[in-house]
Amino acid sequence: MNPDTRICSIDSTDLRSSQYDSQAKSGPSTRLGFYKGYKLHLICSNDSIQLSFEITTANVYDNTYSCCKKLIDEDNGIITNIFPWNR
């Protein structure tokens, strides 16, 4: 990874589940409409290196501050070392 990296991408993708999965929740999707399942929230560097991820139920909105904050807080210091102003 380039040590001068200062740009990261945060995104999520839908993970559909079986209709018999009792822990999955229904949530909105841009591609699927409403679906039952989970979401993969991911932070990657501009070099396409995964820095942090979290899997949540589909009803967790990825544009909330708490979801992004949790990803950054649980990164074992990787993102906070890249972005020292984030401490």
C-alpha atoms as a PDB file:
ATOM      1  CA  MET A   1       0.000   0.000   0.000  1.00  0.00           C
ATOM      2  CA  ASN A   2       1.236   3.444  -0.863  1.00  0.00           C
ATOM      3  CA  PRO A   3       2.264   5.194   2.401  1.00  0.00           C
ATOM      4  CA  ASP A   4       1.012   8.513   1.006  1.00  0.00           C
ATOM      5  CA  THR A   5      -2.540   7.164   0.721  1.00  0.00           C
ATOM      6  CA  ARG A   6      -5.067   9.648   2.043  1.00  0.00           C
ATOM      7  CA  ILE A   7      -8.144   8.586   0.079  1.00  0.00           C
ATOM      8  CA  CYS A   8     -10.378   5.684   1.084  1.00  0.00           C
ATOM      9  CA  SER A   9     -13.714   4.470  -0.205  1.00  0.00           C
ATOM     10  CA  ILE A  10     -16.625   3.420   1.991  1.00  0.00           C
ATOM     11  CA  ASP A  11     -19.371   1.379   0.358  1.00  0.00           C
ATOM     12  CA  SER A  12     -21.764  -1.471   0.993  1.00  0.00           C
ATOM     13  CA  THR A  13     -23.195  -4.330  -0.992  1.00  0.00           C
ATOM     14  CA  ASP A  14     -26.285  -6.475  -0.535  1.00  0.00           C
ATOM     15  CA  LEU A  15     -26.006 -10.081   0.619  1.00  0.00           C
ATOM     16  CA  ARG A  16     -29.295 -11.889   0.038  1.00  0.00           C
ATOM     17  CA  SER A  17     -30.155 -14.730   2.370  1.00  0.00           C
ATOM     18  CA  SER A  18     -32.402 -17.740   2.368  1.00  0.00           C
ATOM     19  CA  GLN A  19     -36.054 -17.097   3.093  1.00  0.00           C
ATOM     20  CA  TYR A  20     -35.643 -19.459   6.064  1.00  0.00           C
ATOM     21  CA  ASP A  21     -32.880 -17.393   7.724  1.00  0.00           C
ATOM     22  CA  SER A  22     -34.466 -16.217  10.983  1.00  0.00           C
ATOM     23  CA  GLN A  23     -31.741 -13.651  11.784  1.00  0.00           C
ATOM     24  CA  ALA A  24     -31.900 -11.791   8.458  1.00  0.00           C
ATOM     25  CA  LYS A  25     -33.893  -8.560   8.190  1.00  0.00           C
ATOM     26  CA  SER A  26     -35.584  -6.801   5.274  1.00  0.00           C
ATOM     27  CA  GLY A  27     -34.048  -3.623   3.938  1.00  0.00           C
ATOM     28  CA  PRO A  28     -33.947  -1.360   0.869  1.00  0.00           C
ATOM     29  CA  SER A  29     -31.605  -1.895  -2.048  1.00  0.00           C
ATOM     30  CA  THR A  30     -30.934   0.195  -5.139  1.00  0.00           C
ATOM     31  CA  ARG A  31     -30.695  -2.944  -7.276  1.00  0.00           C
ATOM     32  CA  LEU A  32     -33.091  -5.351  -5.580  1.00  0.00           C
ATOM     33  CA  GLY A  33     -35.875  -3.118  -4.244  1.00  0.00           C
ATOM     34  CA  PHE A  34     -36.542  -4.583  -0.799  1.00  0.00           C
ATOM     35  CA  TYR A  35     -34.751  -7.798   0.049  1.00  0.00           C
ATOM     36  CA  LYS A  36     -34.162 -10.055   3.044  1.00  0.00           C
ATOM     37  CA  GLY A  37     -30.572 -10.538   4.094  1.00  0.00           C
ATOM     38  CA  TYR A  38     -27.458  -8.693   5.167  1.00  0.00           C
ATOM     39  CA  LYS A  39     -25.111  -5.903   4.052  1.00  0.00           C
ATOM     40  CA  LEU A  40     -21.345  -5.929   3.759  1.00  0.00           C
ATOM     41  CA  HIS A  41     -19.940  -2.489   4.695  1.00  0.00           C
ATOM     42  CA  LEU A  42     -16.360  -2.077   3.491  1.00  0.00           C
ATOM     43  CA  ILE A  43     -13.578   0.514   3.638  1.00  0.00           C
ATOM     44  CA  CYS A  44     -10.852   0.194   0.975  1.00  0.00           C
ATOM     45  CA  SER A  45      -7.786   2.228   0.102  1.00  0.00           C
ATOM     46  CA  ASN A  46      -7.435   3.729  -3.362  1.00  0.00           C
ATOM     47  CA  ASP A  47      -5.061   0.804  -4.044  1.00  0.00           C
ATOM     48  CA  SER A  48      -8.046  -1.589  -3.559  1.00  0.00           C
ATOM     49  CA  ILE A  49      -6.727  -2.902  -0.253  1.00  0.00           C
ATOM     50  CA  GLN A  50      -9.412  -3.778   2.274  1.00  0.00           C
ATOM     51  CA  LEU A  51      -8.923  -1.816   5.494  1.00  0.00           C
ATOM     52  CA  SER A  52     -12.052  -2.656   7.485  1.00  0.00           C
ATOM     53  CA  PHE A  53     -15.405  -4.388   7.080  1.00  0.00           C
ATOM     54  CA  GLU A  54     -18.589  -5.184   8.952  1.00  0.00           C
ATOM     55  CA  ILE A  55     -21.591  -7.353   8.156  1.00  0.00           C
ATOM     56  CA  THR A  56     -24.967  -6.062   9.361  1.00  0.00           C
ATOM     57  CA  THR A  57     -28.583  -6.934   8.732  1.00  0.00           C
ATOM     58  CA  ALA A  58     -30.135  -5.354   5.647  1.00  0.00           C
ATOM     59  CA  ASN A  59     -32.161  -2.831   7.646  1.00  0.00           C
ATOM     60  CA  VAL A  60     -29.014  -0.949   8.801  1.00  0.00           C
ATOM     61  CA  TYR A  61     -28.616   2.169   6.659  1.00  0.00           C
ATOM     62  CA  ASP A  62     -25.081   2.676   5.369  1.00  0.00           C
ATOM     63  CA  ASN A  63     -25.347   6.461   5.317  1.00  0.00           C
ATOM     64  CA  THR A  64     -25.498   6.735   9.107  1.00  0.00           C
ATOM     65  CA  TYR A  65     -22.590   8.175  11.029  1.00  0.00           C
ATOM     66  CA  SER A  66     -22.620   5.343  13.578  1.00  0.00           C
ATOM     67  CA  CYS A  67     -22.020   2.667  10.924  1.00  0.00           C
ATOM     68  CA  CYS A  68     -19.005   4.511   9.464  1.00  0.00           C
ATOM     69  CA  LYS A  69     -17.669   5.402  12.921  1.00  0.00           C
ATOM     70  CA  LYS A  70     -17.844   1.761  14.030  1.00  0.00           C
ATOM     71  CA  LEU A  71     -15.870   0.639  10.960  1.00  0.00           C
ATOM     72  CA  ILE A  72     -13.186   3.235  11.641  1.00  0.00           C
ATOM     73  CA  ASP A  73     -13.014   2.507  15.383  1.00  0.00           C
ATOM     74  CA  GLU A  74     -12.586  -1.248  14.855  1.00  0.00           C
ATOM     75  CA  ASP A  75      -9.804  -1.042  12.264  1.00  0.00           C
ATOM     76  CA  ASN A  76      -6.975  -1.910  14.717  1.00  0.00           C
ATOM     77  CA  GLY A  77      -5.281   1.423  14.084  1.00  0.00           C
ATOM     78  CA  ILE A  78      -4.901   1.079  10.318  1.00  0.00           C
ATOM     79  CA  ILE A  79      -7.161   3.950   9.303  1.00  0.00           C
ATOM     80  CA  THR A  80      -6.188   6.132  12.245  1.00  0.00           C
ATOM     81  CA  ASN A  81      -2.538   5.782  11.217  1.00  0.00           C
ATOM     82  CA  ILE A  82      -3.405   6.778   7.650  1.00  0.00           C
ATOM     83  CA  PHE A  83      -5.633   9.629   8.832  1.00  0.00           C
ATOM     84  CA  PRO A  84      -4.001  11.051  11.981  1.00  0.00           C
ATOM     85  CA  TRP A  85      -6.590  13.851  12.207  1.00  0.00           C
ATOM     86  CA  ASN A  86      -9.223  11.159  12.857  1.00  0.00           C
ATOM     87  CA  ARG A  87      -7.992  10.480  16.428  1.00  0.00           C
END
